[in-house]
C-alpha atoms as a PDB file:
ATOM      1  CA  MET A   1       0.000   0.000   0.000  1.00  0.00           C
ATOM      2  CA  ALA A   2       2.792   2.372   0.937  1.00  0.00           C
ATOM      3  CA  GLY A   3       4.619   1.447  -2.257  1.00  0.00           C
ATOM      4  CA  THR A   4       1.569   2.259  -4.351  1.00  0.00           C
ATOM      5  CA  ARG A   5       1.235   5.643  -2.676  1.00  0.00           C
ATOM      6  CA  LYS A   6       4.907   6.399  -3.252  1.00  0.00           C
ATOM      7  CA  THR A   7       4.606   5.483  -6.913  1.00  0.00           C
ATOM      8  CA  ALA A   8       1.591   7.768  -7.357  1.00  0.00           C
ATOM      9  CA  VAL A   9       3.337  10.620  -5.585  1.00  0.00           C
ATOM     10  CA  ALA A  10       6.433  10.245  -7.757  1.00  0.00           C
ATOM     11  CA  VAL A  11       4.413  10.319 -10.972  1.00  0.00           C
ATOM     12  CA  VAL A  12       2.328  13.312  -9.901  1.00  0.00           C
ATOM     13  CA  LEU A  13       5.277  15.354  -8.658  1.00  0.00           C
ATOM     14  CA  ALA A  14       7.204  14.720 -11.848  1.00  0.00           C
ATOM     15  CA  ALA A  15       4.226  15.994 -13.847  1.00  0.00           C
ATOM     16  CA  LEU A  16       3.954  19.071 -11.666  1.00  0.00           C
ATOM     17  CA  ALA A  17       7.301  20.295 -12.960  1.00  0.00           C
ATOM     18  CA  LEU A  18       5.492  21.175 -16.159  1.00  0.00           C
ATOM     19  CA  THR A  19       3.008  23.483 -14.420  1.00  0.00           C
ATOM     20  CA  ALA A  20       5.898  25.747 -13.487  1.00  0.00           C
ATOM     21  CA  THR A  21       6.295  26.810 -17.092  1.00  0.00           C
ATOM     22  CA  ALA A  22       3.015  28.684 -16.687  1.00  0.00           C
ATOM     23  CA  CYS A  23       4.802  31.138 -14.378  1.00  0.00           C
ATOM     24  CA  ASN A  24       6.821  32.715 -17.075  1.00  0.00           C
ATOM     25  CA  ASP A  25       6.344  34.153 -17.847  1.00  0.00           C
ATOM     26  CA  SER A  26       6.912  33.733 -17.537  1.00  0.00           C
ATOM     27  CA  ASN A  27       5.792  33.646 -19.809  1.00  0.00           C
ATOM     28  CA  ASP A  28       3.170  31.859 -19.686  1.00  0.00           C
ATOM     29  CA  LYS A  29       4.030  27.002 -19.341  1.00  0.00           C
ATOM     30  CA  LYS A  30       2.097  22.804 -17.679  1.00  0.00           C
ATOM     31  CA  ALA A  31       1.414  19.290 -18.291  1.00  0.00           C
ATOM     32  CA  ALA A  32       0.292  19.621 -21.893  1.00  0.00           C
ATOM     33  CA  PRO A  33       1.165  22.762 -23.856  1.00  0.00           C
ATOM     34  CA  ALA A  34       4.494  24.361 -24.426  1.00  0.00           C
ATOM     35  CA  ALA A  35       5.148  27.657 -22.741  1.00  0.00           C
ATOM     36  CA  PRO A  36       4.114  30.924 -24.249  1.00  0.00           C
ATOM     37  CA  THR A  37       7.504  32.502 -24.722  1.00  0.00           C
ATOM     38  CA  THR A  38       8.682  35.245 -22.424  1.00  0.00           C
ATOM     39  CA  ALA A  39      12.374  35.269 -23.250  1.00  0.00           C
ATOM     40  CA  ALA A  40      13.841  38.194 -25.149  1.00  0.00           C
ATOM     41  CA  ALA A  41      17.007  40.259 -25.177  1.00  0.00           C
ATOM     42  CA  THR A  42      18.246  43.750 -24.633  1.00  0.00           C
ATOM     43  CA  SER A  43      17.486  45.897 -27.661  1.00  0.00           C
ATOM     44  CA  ALA A  44      20.215  47.866 -29.372  1.00  0.00           C
ATOM     45  CA  THR A  45      17.918  50.866 -29.779  1.00  0.00           C
ATOM     46  CA  PRO A  46      19.676  53.899 -28.228  1.00  0.00           C
ATOM     47  CA  SER A  47      18.107  55.380 -25.111  1.00  0.00           C
ATOM     48  CA  ALA A  48      17.002  58.988 -24.999  1.00  0.00           C
ATOM     49  CA  ALA A  49      17.468  61.170 -21.963  1.00  0.00           C
ATOM     50  CA  ALA A  50      15.105  60.202 -19.163  1.00  0.00           C
ATOM     51  CA  PRO A  51      12.094  62.501 -18.877  1.00  0.00           C
ATOM     52  CA  THR A  52      11.577  64.599 -15.780  1.00  0.00           C
ATOM     53  CA  GLY A  53       8.606  64.059 -13.495  1.00  0.00           C
ATOM     54  CA  GLY A  54       7.700  60.841 -15.291  1.00  0.00           C
ATOM     55  CA  ALA A  55       6.412  62.756 -18.324  1.00  0.00           C
ATOM     56  CA  LYS A  56       6.949  61.311 -21.772  1.00  0.00           C
ATOM     57  CA  PRO A  57       9.351  63.478 -23.795  1.00  0.00           C
ATOM     58  CA  GLU A  58       8.290  65.080 -27.046  1.00  0.00           C
ATOM     59  CA  LYS A  59       9.090  63.426 -30.388  1.00  0.00           C
ATOM     60  CA  VAL A  60      10.448  60.201 -28.923  1.00  0.00           C
ATOM     61  CA  SER A  61       9.586  56.979 -30.732  1.00  0.00           C
ATOM     62  CA  PRO A  62       7.771  54.226 -28.780  1.00  0.00           C
ATOM     63  CA  ALA A  63      10.832  51.964 -29.055  1.00  0.00           C
ATOM     64  CA  VAL A  64      13.170  54.599 -27.606  1.00  0.00           C
ATOM     65  CA  TYR A  65      10.739  55.435 -24.830  1.00  0.00           C
ATOM     66  CA  LEU A  66      10.358  51.762 -23.956  1.00  0.00           C
ATOM     67  CA  GLU A  67      14.117  51.523 -23.576  1.00  0.00           C
ATOM     68  CA  GLN A  68      13.757  54.052 -20.760  1.00  0.00           C
ATOM     69  CA  VAL A  69      11.002  51.892 -19.298  1.00  0.00           C
ATOM     70  CA  THR A  70      13.346  48.897 -19.159  1.00  0.00           C
ATOM     71  CA  GLN A  71      15.823  50.965 -17.146  1.00  0.00           C
ATOM     72  CA  LYS A  72      13.249  52.230 -14.635  1.00  0.00           C
ATOM     73  CA  THR A  73      11.504  48.894 -14.224  1.00  0.00           C
ATOM     74  CA  SER A  74      14.786  47.004 -13.940  1.00  0.00           C
ATOM     75  CA  ALA A  75      15.941  49.353 -11.173  1.00  0.00           C
ATOM     76  CA  ALA A  76      12.773  48.624  -9.148  1.00  0.00           C
ATOM     77  CA  LYS A  77      14.012  45.002  -8.796  1.00  0.00           C
ATOM     78  CA  SER A  78      10.810  43.453  -7.396  1.00  0.00           C
ATOM     79  CA  ALA A  79       7.008  43.573  -7.394  1.00  0.00           C
ATOM     80  CA  LYS A  80       3.844  41.754  -6.463  1.00  0.00           C
ATOM     81  CA  VAL A  81       2.255  39.861  -9.345  1.00  0.00           C
ATOM     82  CA  ASP A  82      -1.242  38.721 -10.206  1.00  0.00           C
ATOM     83  CA  GLU A  83      -1.434  36.657 -13.373  1.00  0.00           C
ATOM     84  CA  THR A  84      -3.926  34.684 -15.420  1.00  0.00           C
ATOM     85  CA  ILE A  85      -2.921  32.138 -18.039  1.00  0.00           C
ATOM     86  CA  THR A  86      -5.306  30.398 -20.420  1.00  0.00           C
ATOM     87  CA  ILE A  87      -4.504  27.780 -23.041  1.00  0.00           C
ATOM     88  CA  GLY A  88      -7.504  26.354 -24.819  1.00  0.00           C
ATOM     89  CA  ASP A  89     -10.084  25.597 -22.135  1.00  0.00           C
ATOM     90  CA  ILE A  90      -7.495  25.460 -19.366  1.00  0.00           C
ATOM     91  CA  ALA A  91      -7.125  28.441 -17.039  1.00  0.00           C
ATOM     92  CA  MET A  92      -4.659  29.086 -14.215  1.00  0.00           C
ATOM     93  CA  LYS A  93      -4.158  31.994 -11.851  1.00  0.00           C
ATOM     94  CA  GLY A  94      -1.029  32.966  -9.975  1.00  0.00           C
ATOM     95  CA  THR A  95      -0.314  35.388  -7.150  1.00  0.00           C
ATOM     96  CA  GLY A  96       2.840  36.213  -5.253  1.00  0.00           C
ATOM     97  CA  ALA A  97       5.926  38.405  -5.180  1.00  0.00           C
ATOM     98  CA  ILE A  98       9.023  38.086  -7.343  1.00  0.00           C
ATOM     99  CA  SER A  99      12.447  39.683  -7.587  1.00  0.00           C
ATOM    100  CA  TRP A 100      14.411  39.987 -10.835  1.00  0.00           C
ATOM    101  CA  ALA A 101      17.506  41.589  -9.323  1.00  0.00           C
ATOM    102  CA  ASP A 102      19.460  38.366  -9.873  1.00  0.00           C
ATOM    103  CA  GLY A 103      17.326  36.027 -11.940  1.00  0.00           C
ATOM    104  CA  LEU A 104      13.787  35.106 -10.967  1.00  0.00           C
ATOM    105  CA  GLN A 105      13.381  34.567  -7.231  1.00  0.00           C
ATOM    106  CA  GLY A 106      10.455  34.663  -4.837  1.00  0.00           C
ATOM    107  CA  ASP A 107       7.151  32.909  -4.195  1.00  0.00           C
ATOM    108  CA  LEU A 108       4.274  32.264  -6.558  1.00  0.00           C
ATOM    109  CA  THR A 109       1.168  30.185  -5.895  1.00  0.00           C
ATOM    110  CA  MET A 110      -0.632  28.844  -8.953  1.00  0.00           C
ATOM    111  CA  ASP A 111      -4.368  28.195  -8.600  1.00  0.00           C
ATOM    112  CA  MET A 112      -4.960  25.122 -10.774  1.00  0.00           C
ATOM    113  CA  SER A 113      -8.710  24.768 -10.165  1.00  0.00           C
ATOM    114  CA  GLY A 114      -9.272  25.725 -13.809  1.00  0.00           C
ATOM    115  CA  SER A 115      -6.974  22.950 -15.001  1.00  0.00           C
ATOM    116  CA  PRO A 116      -7.337  19.152 -15.063  1.00  0.00           C
ATOM    117  CA  MET A 117      -4.272  19.056 -12.819  1.00  0.00           C
ATOM    118  CA  GLY A 118      -6.189  20.774 -10.011  1.00  0.00           C
ATOM    119  CA  LYS A 119      -7.609  17.538  -8.602  1.00  0.00           C
ATOM    120  CA  MET A 120      -4.210  15.897  -8.827  1.00  0.00           C
ATOM    121  CA  ILE A 121      -2.559  18.724  -6.943  1.00  0.00           C
ATOM    122  CA  ALA A 122      -5.207  18.708  -4.211  1.00  0.00           C
ATOM    123  CA  VAL A 123      -4.069  15.237  -3.148  1.00  0.00           C
ATOM    124  CA  LEU A 124      -0.565  16.571  -2.603  1.00  0.00           C
ATOM    125  CA  THR A 125      -1.090  20.099  -1.299  1.00  0.00           C
ATOM    126  CA  GLY A 126      -4.549  20.021   0.292  1.00  0.00           C
ATOM    127  CA  SER A 127      -5.967  22.470  -2.263  1.00  0.00           C
ATOM    128  CA  GLU A 128      -6.127  22.880  -6.021  1.00  0.00           C
ATOM    129  CA  SER A 129      -3.069  25.110  -6.026  1.00  0.00           C
ATOM    130  CA  ALA A 130       0.681  24.706  -6.323  1.00  0.00           C
ATOM    131  CA  PRO A 131       2.943  26.887  -4.126  1.00  0.00           C
ATOM    132  CA  TYR A 132       6.305  27.502  -5.800  1.00  0.00           C
ATOM    133  CA  ARG A 133       9.527  29.035  -4.498  1.00  0.00           C
ATOM    134  CA  PHE A 134      12.043  30.284  -7.057  1.00  0.00           C
ATOM    135  CA  ALA A 135      15.692  30.495  -6.043  1.00  0.00           C
ATOM    136  CA  LYS A 136      19.057  30.832  -7.763  1.00  0.00           C
ATOM    137  CA  ASP A 137      19.441  27.072  -8.047  1.00  0.00           C
ATOM    138  CA  GLY A 138      16.031  26.363  -9.570  1.00  0.00           C
ATOM    139  CA  MET A 139      12.459  25.926  -8.435  1.00  0.00           C
ATOM    140  CA  TYR A 140      10.929  24.355  -5.335  1.00  0.00           C
ATOM    141  CA  LEU A 141       7.395  22.980  -4.986  1.00  0.00           C
ATOM    142  CA  HIS A 142       5.872  22.925  -1.498  1.00  0.00           C
ATOM    143  CA  ILE A 143       3.946  19.721  -0.799  1.00  0.00           C
ATOM    144  CA  GLY A 144       1.604  18.376   1.882  1.00  0.00           C
ATOM    145  CA  GLY A 145      -0.761  15.527   2.595  1.00  0.00           C
ATOM    146  CA  ASP A 146       0.303  11.996   1.650  1.00  0.00           C
ATOM    147  CA  ALA A 147       3.275  13.335  -0.302  1.00  0.00           C
ATOM    148  CA  VAL A 148       5.048  14.401   2.905  1.00  0.00           C
ATOM    149  CA  GLU A 149       4.891  10.901   4.355  1.00  0.00           C
ATOM    150  CA  ALA A 150       5.803   9.323   1.023  1.00  0.00           C
ATOM    151  CA  LEU A 151       8.901  11.506   0.807  1.00  0.00           C
ATOM    152  CA  GLY A 152      10.146  10.822   4.301  1.00  0.00           C
ATOM    153  CA  GLY A 153       8.643  13.854   5.993  1.00  0.00           C
ATOM    154  CA  LYS A 154      10.144  16.382   3.596  1.00  0.00           C
ATOM    155  CA  HIS A 155       8.050  19.333   2.402  1.00  0.00           C
ATOM    156  CA  TRP A 156       9.816  20.587  -0.736  1.00  0.00           C
ATOM    157  CA  VAL A 157      10.716  19.106  -4.110  1.00  0.00           C
ATOM    158  CA  HIS A 158      13.630  20.793  -5.893  1.00  0.00           C
ATOM    159  CA  TYR A 159      13.729  21.097  -9.686  1.00  0.00           C
ATOM    160  CA  GLY A 160      17.150  22.212 -10.917  1.00  0.00           C
ATOM    161  CA  THR A 161      17.732  23.923 -14.251  1.00  0.00           C
ATOM    162  CA  ALA A 162      18.369  20.589 -15.997  1.00  0.00           C
ATOM    163  CA  ASP A 163      15.113  19.161 -14.602  1.00  0.00           C
ATOM    164  CA  LEU A 164      13.178  22.205 -15.783  1.00  0.00           C
ATOM    165  CA  ALA A 165      14.695  22.091 -19.249  1.00  0.00           C
ATOM    166  CA  LYS A 166      13.790  18.402 -19.568  1.00  0.00           C
ATOM    167  CA  ALA A 167      10.248  19.008 -18.288  1.00  0.00           C
ATOM    168  CA  SER A 168       9.685  21.836 -20.751  1.00  0.00           C
ATOM    169  CA  GLY A 169      10.706  19.754 -23.728  1.00  0.00           C
ATOM    170  CA  GLY A 170      14.321  20.818 -23.902  1.00  0.00           C
ATOM    171  CA  THR A 171      13.742  24.552 -24.151  1.00  0.00           C
ATOM    172  CA  SER A 172      16.073  26.927 -22.363  1.00  0.00           C
ATOM    173  CA  ALA A 173      16.581  26.140 -18.703  1.00  0.00           C
ATOM    174  CA  ASN A 174      16.984  29.868 -18.142  1.00  0.00           C
ATOM    175  CA  GLN A 175      13.397  30.676 -19.098  1.00  0.00           C
ATOM    176  CA  PHE A 176      12.500  31.141 -15.438  1.00  0.00           C
ATOM    177  CA  LYS A 177      15.026  33.958 -15.174  1.00  0.00           C
ATOM    178  CA  ASP A 178      13.220  35.802 -17.965  1.00  0.00           C
ATOM    179  CA  ALA A 179       9.894  36.303 -16.198  1.00  0.00           C
ATOM    180  CA  ASP A 180      10.430  39.842 -14.961  1.00  0.00           C
ATOM    181  CA  PRO A 181       8.424  42.733 -16.473  1.00  0.00           C
ATOM    182  CA  VAL A 182      11.530  44.124 -18.142  1.00  0.00           C
ATOM    183  CA  GLU A 183      11.652  41.084 -20.427  1.00  0.00           C
ATOM    184  CA  ALA A 184       8.120  41.811 -21.638  1.00  0.00           C
ATOM    185  CA  VAL A 185       9.223  45.272 -22.740  1.00  0.00           C
ATOM    186  CA  ARG A 186      12.336  43.924 -24.443  1.00  0.00           C
ATOM    187  CA  LEU A 187      10.237  41.336 -26.239  1.00  0.00           C
ATOM    188  CA  LEU A 188       7.925  44.082 -27.434  1.00  0.00           C
ATOM    189  CA  ILE A 189      10.856  46.140 -28.710  1.00  0.00           C
ATOM    190  CA  ALA A 190      12.172  43.017 -30.463  1.00  0.00           C
ATOM    191  CA  THR A 191       9.060  42.922 -32.661  1.00  0.00           C
ATOM    192  CA  GLY A 192      10.532  45.884 -34.498  1.00  0.00           C
ATOM    193  CA  LYS A 193       7.010  47.253 -35.006  1.00  0.00           C
ATOM    194  CA  VAL A 194       6.017  48.548 -31.586  1.00  0.00           C
ATOM    195  CA  ALA A 195       3.128  51.030 -31.675  1.00  0.00           C
ATOM    196  CA  GLU A 196       1.570  53.342 -29.110  1.00  0.00           C
ATOM    197  CA  VAL A 197      -2.100  52.366 -28.806  1.00  0.00           C
ATOM    198  CA  GLY A 198      -3.233  55.144 -26.472  1.00  0.00           C
ATOM    199  CA  GLN A 199      -4.072  56.109 -22.912  1.00  0.00           C
ATOM    200  CA  GLU A 200      -5.894  53.587 -20.710  1.00  0.00           C
ATOM    201  CA  THR A 201      -6.626  53.153 -16.999  1.00  0.00           C
ATOM    202  CA  VAL A 202      -5.317  49.865 -15.593  1.00  0.00           C
ATOM    203  CA  GLY A 203      -5.552  48.910 -11.939  1.00  0.00           C
ATOM    204  CA  GLY A 204      -6.644  52.432 -11.100  1.00  0.00           C
ATOM    205  CA  LYS A 205      -3.566  53.948 -12.765  1.00  0.00           C
ATOM    206  CA  ALA A 206      -3.301  56.091 -15.863  1.00  0.00           C
ATOM    207  CA  THR A 207      -1.144  54.194 -18.353  1.00  0.00           C
ATOM    208  CA  THR A 208       0.050  54.265 -21.933  1.00  0.00           C
ATOM    209  CA  HIS A 209      -0.617  51.104 -23.919  1.00  0.00           C
ATOM    210  CA  TYR A 210       2.018  49.775 -26.354  1.00  0.00           C
ATOM    211  CA  SER A 211       1.572  46.807 -28.685  1.00  0.00           C
ATOM    212  CA  GLY A 212       3.478  44.748 -31.249  1.00  0.00           C
ATOM    213  CA  VAL A 213       3.375  41.377 -33.023  1.00  0.00           C
ATOM    214  CA  LEU A 214       6.310  38.981 -32.934  1.00  0.00           C
ATOM    215  CA  ASN A 215       6.421  37.019 -36.196  1.00  0.00           C
ATOM    216  CA  ALA A 216       8.169  33.642 -36.048  1.00  0.00           C
ATOM    217  CA  ASP A 217       9.228  33.747 -39.701  1.00  0.00           C
ATOM    218  CA  GLU A 218      10.851  37.141 -39.240  1.00  0.00           C
ATOM    219  CA  ILE A 219      12.598  35.982 -36.070  1.00  0.00           C
ATOM    220  CA  ALA A 220      13.793  32.816 -37.808  1.00  0.00           C
ATOM    221  CA  GLY A 221      15.562  34.908 -40.438  1.00  0.00           C
ATOM    222  CA  ALA A 222      16.816  37.554 -38.037  1.00  0.00           C
ATOM    223  CA  SER A 223      20.353  38.097 -36.858  1.00  0.00           C
ATOM    224  CA  SER A 224      21.694  39.712 -33.703  1.00  0.00           C
ATOM    225  CA  SER A 225      21.590  43.040 -35.541  1.00  0.00           C
ATOM    226  CA  LYS A 226      17.809  43.037 -35.015  1.00  0.00           C
ATOM    227  CA  GLY A 227      18.493  44.128 -31.454  1.00  0.00           C
ATOM    228  CA  LEU A 228      18.750  40.681 -29.884  1.00  0.00           C
ATOM    229  CA  SER A 229      21.969  39.080 -28.744  1.00  0.00           C
ATOM    230  CA  GLN A 230      22.652  35.871 -30.663  1.00  0.00           C
ATOM    231  CA  GLU A 231      22.117  33.796 -27.518  1.00  0.00           C
ATOM    232  CA  LYS A 232      18.747  35.357 -26.754  1.00  0.00           C
ATOM    233  CA  LEU A 233      17.734  35.210 -30.400  1.00  0.00           C
ATOM    234  CA  ASP A 234      18.473  31.483 -30.519  1.00  0.00           C
ATOM    235  CA  GLN A 235      16.469  30.917 -27.328  1.00  0.00           C
ATOM    236  CA  LEU A 236      13.533  32.839 -28.731  1.00  0.00           C
ATOM    237  CA  LYS A 237      13.576  30.861 -31.986  1.00  0.00           C
ATOM    238  CA  GLN A 238      13.672  27.621 -30.005  1.00  0.00           C
ATOM    239  CA  LYS A 239      10.720  28.566 -27.832  1.00  0.00           C
ATOM    240  CA  LEU A 240       8.561  29.662 -30.735  1.00  0.00           C
ATOM    241  CA  ALA A 241       9.342  26.443 -32.588  1.00  0.00           C
ATOM    242  CA  ALA A 242       8.727  24.237 -29.531  1.00  0.00           C
ATOM    243  CA  GLY A 243       5.272  25.736 -28.987  1.00  0.00           C
ATOM    244  CA  GLY A 244       4.356  25.747 -32.652  1.00  0.00           C
ATOM    245  CA  ILE A 245       3.872  29.516 -32.391  1.00  0.00           C
ATOM    246  CA  THR A 246       3.805  31.374 -35.715  1.00  0.00           C
ATOM    247  CA  SER A 247       3.084  34.798 -34.234  1.00  0.00           C
ATOM    248  CA  GLU A 248       2.615  36.288 -30.800  1.00  0.00           C
ATOM    249  CA  GLN A 249       1.065  39.600 -29.819  1.00  0.00           C
ATOM    250  CA  VAL A 250       2.799  41.429 -26.989  1.00  0.00           C
ATOM    251  CA  ASP A 251       1.211  44.340 -25.094  1.00  0.00           C
ATOM    252  CA  VAL A 252       2.453  46.394 -22.156  1.00  0.00           C
ATOM    253  CA  TRP A 253       0.889  49.203 -20.168  1.00  0.00           C
ATOM    254  CA  VAL A 254       3.267  51.742 -18.606  1.00  0.00           C
ATOM    255  CA  ASP A 255       2.486  54.343 -15.941  1.00  0.00           C
ATOM    256  CA  ALA A 256       3.829  57.884 -15.526  1.00  0.00           C
ATOM    257  CA  ASP A 257       6.764  56.569 -13.469  1.00  0.00           C
ATOM    258  CA  GLN A 258       7.846  54.443 -16.452  1.00  0.00           C
ATOM    259  CA  LEU A 259       6.976  51.209 -14.648  1.00  0.00           C
ATOM    260  CA  VAL A 260       5.147  48.308 -16.258  1.00  0.00           C
ATOM    261  CA  VAL A 261       1.641  47.987 -14.801  1.00  0.00           C
ATOM    262  CA  LYS A 262       0.414  45.179 -17.039  1.00  0.00           C
ATOM    263  CA  ARG A 263       1.668  42.856 -19.756  1.00  0.00           C
ATOM    264  CA  THR A 264      -0.135  40.393 -21.996  1.00  0.00           C
ATOM    265  CA  GLU A 265       1.062  37.855 -24.520  1.00  0.00           C
ATOM    266  CA  SER A 266      -1.298  35.984 -26.809  1.00  0.00           C
ATOM    267  CA  GLY A 267      -1.193  33.727 -29.829  1.00  0.00           C
ATOM    268  CA  ALA A 268      -1.709  30.142 -30.916  1.00  0.00           C
ATOM    269  CA  THR A 269       0.216  27.007 -29.939  1.00  0.00           C
ATOM    270  CA  LYS A 270      -0.012  23.316 -30.804  1.00  0.00           C
ATOM    271  CA  ALA A 271      -2.264  22.962 -27.747  1.00  0.00           C
ATOM    272  CA  GLY A 272      -4.615  25.791 -28.738  1.00  0.00           C
ATOM    273  CA  ALA A 273      -4.905  29.536 -28.290  1.00  0.00           C
ATOM    274  CA  PHE A 274      -3.092  31.011 -25.308  1.00  0.00           C
ATOM    275  CA  LYS A 275      -3.180  34.269 -23.421  1.00  0.00           C
ATOM    276  CA  ALA A 276      -1.061  35.300 -20.468  1.00  0.00           C
ATOM    277  CA  SER A 277      -1.891  38.445 -18.528  1.00  0.00           C
ATOM    278  CA  VAL A 278       0.170  39.765 -15.607  1.00  0.00           C
ATOM    279  CA  LEU A 279      -0.525  42.741 -13.348  1.00  0.00           C
ATOM    280  CA  TYR A 280       2.407  44.265 -11.429  1.00  0.00           C
ATOM    281  CA  SER A 281       2.048  46.319  -8.240  1.00  0.00           C
ATOM    282  CA  ASP A 282       3.974  47.395  -5.144  1.00  0.00           C
ATOM    283  CA  TYR A 283       7.315  47.763  -6.909  1.00  0.00           C
ATOM    284  CA  GLY A 284      10.243  47.391  -4.501  1.00  0.00           C
ATOM    285  CA  THR A 285       8.292  45.016  -2.245  1.00  0.00           C
ATOM    286  CA  ALA A 286      10.304  42.712   0.024  1.00  0.00           C
ATOM    287  CA  VAL A 287      10.761  39.240  -1.480  1.00  0.00           C
ATOM    288  CA  ASP A 288      11.919  36.061   0.252  1.00  0.00           C
ATOM    289  CA  THR A 289      14.670  34.675  -1.964  1.00  0.00           C
ATOM    290  CA  ALA A 290      16.030  32.038   0.431  1.00  0.00           C
ATOM    291  CA  ALA A 291      15.970  28.423  -0.671  1.00  0.00           C
ATOM    292  CA  PRO A 292      14.248  25.972   1.721  1.00  0.00           C
ATOM    293  CA  THR A 293      16.370  24.192   4.330  1.00  0.00           C
ATOM    294  CA  ALA A 294      18.298  21.409   2.611  1.00  0.00           C
ATOM    295  CA  SER A 295      17.170  18.793   5.150  1.00  0.00           C
ATOM    296  CA  ASP A 296      13.542  19.490   4.150  1.00  0.00           C
ATOM    297  CA  VAL A 297      14.152  19.039   0.407  1.00  0.00           C
ATOM    298  CA  VAL A 298      14.060  16.069  -1.954  1.00  0.00           C
ATOM    299  CA  GLU A 299      15.527  16.298  -5.450  1.00  0.00           C
ATOM    300  CA  ALA A 300      13.210  15.856  -8.441  1.00  0.00           C
ATOM    301  CA  ALA A 301      15.740  13.477  -9.972  1.00  0.00           C
ATOM    302  CA  ALA A 302      15.103  11.110  -7.061  1.00  0.00           C
ATOM    303  CA  LEU A 303      11.396  10.873  -7.889  1.00  0.00           C
ATOM    304  CA  ALA A 304      11.890   8.641 -10.898  1.00  0.00           C
ATOM    305  CA  LYS A 305      14.003   6.267  -8.826  1.00  0.00           C
ATOM    306  CA  LEU A 306      11.403   6.358  -6.049  1.00  0.00           C
ATOM    307  CA  GLY A 307       8.704   5.319  -8.522  1.00  0.00           C
ATOM    308  CA  LYS A 308      10.807   2.486  -9.963  1.00  0.00           C
ATOM    309  CA  ASP A 309      11.772   1.166  -6.533  1.00  0.00           C
ATOM    310  CA  SER A 310       8.150   1.281  -5.331  1.00  0.00           C
ATOM    311  CA  SER A 311       6.758  -0.511  -8.384  1.00  0.00           C
ATOM    312  CA  SER A 312       9.333  -3.242  -8.028  1.00  0.00           C
END
């Protein structure tokens, strides 16, 4: 009986690695579909002088202005996030606080009640949600219920960068470091066709809406001269190809302080239409970036062995 429970826990926890791709961003990432891409690179567009009092300078192109936004948002280093991801009929919601000062770190809880994996997660965590901790050495999933006993009383499963790359189908293991709001702006600039849509109120704040479409064919034929480093360009090509994404619309909303208030990414994947929407608030908020105590952690790589041993 105990062996059966251990086998089930191993299988479920291994599958849960895929739900983490929904957090990126990001962009945007689960048991079935490939992640909506959130990786991009620093644009080569020259920055104009920063405006005073948060006001947008006269006669500055959207791309140049958004370069200033990357600087301001990057300097803020952290924020609270509230995101919604849909792929086909599956919907997930995430809340938490993240820091991008040194890669993606912090806590994010994904509500999976809108996904078939919700019931599976409830057995392990006591609710249809998955609490994640991001640290420099990868991602941790907090567990409860029968999983704690099955894993010798430990409460965290650690997925290193190699585990995450394998779970996401071989795409970049660094995708979790590209989930900060700055990357959304850089991705938008990388479209090469960013446009100012107009003024809109988002989350009670006056914002300016910018939009662009990332075309996979154009990216496939692009070189680093497009404004992407070769490394980032290669990662972006790989992610688009892995998800079967031919084009992706990227939108950001920026407030008067040149901080990203909202970002969305939408398009079509092999698993159906996707849309990822993230609201950012409380920039500069304190974020817990400490990894769980080692004695309370089990490695994801050990799960496969646990399942094999239990079945035998």
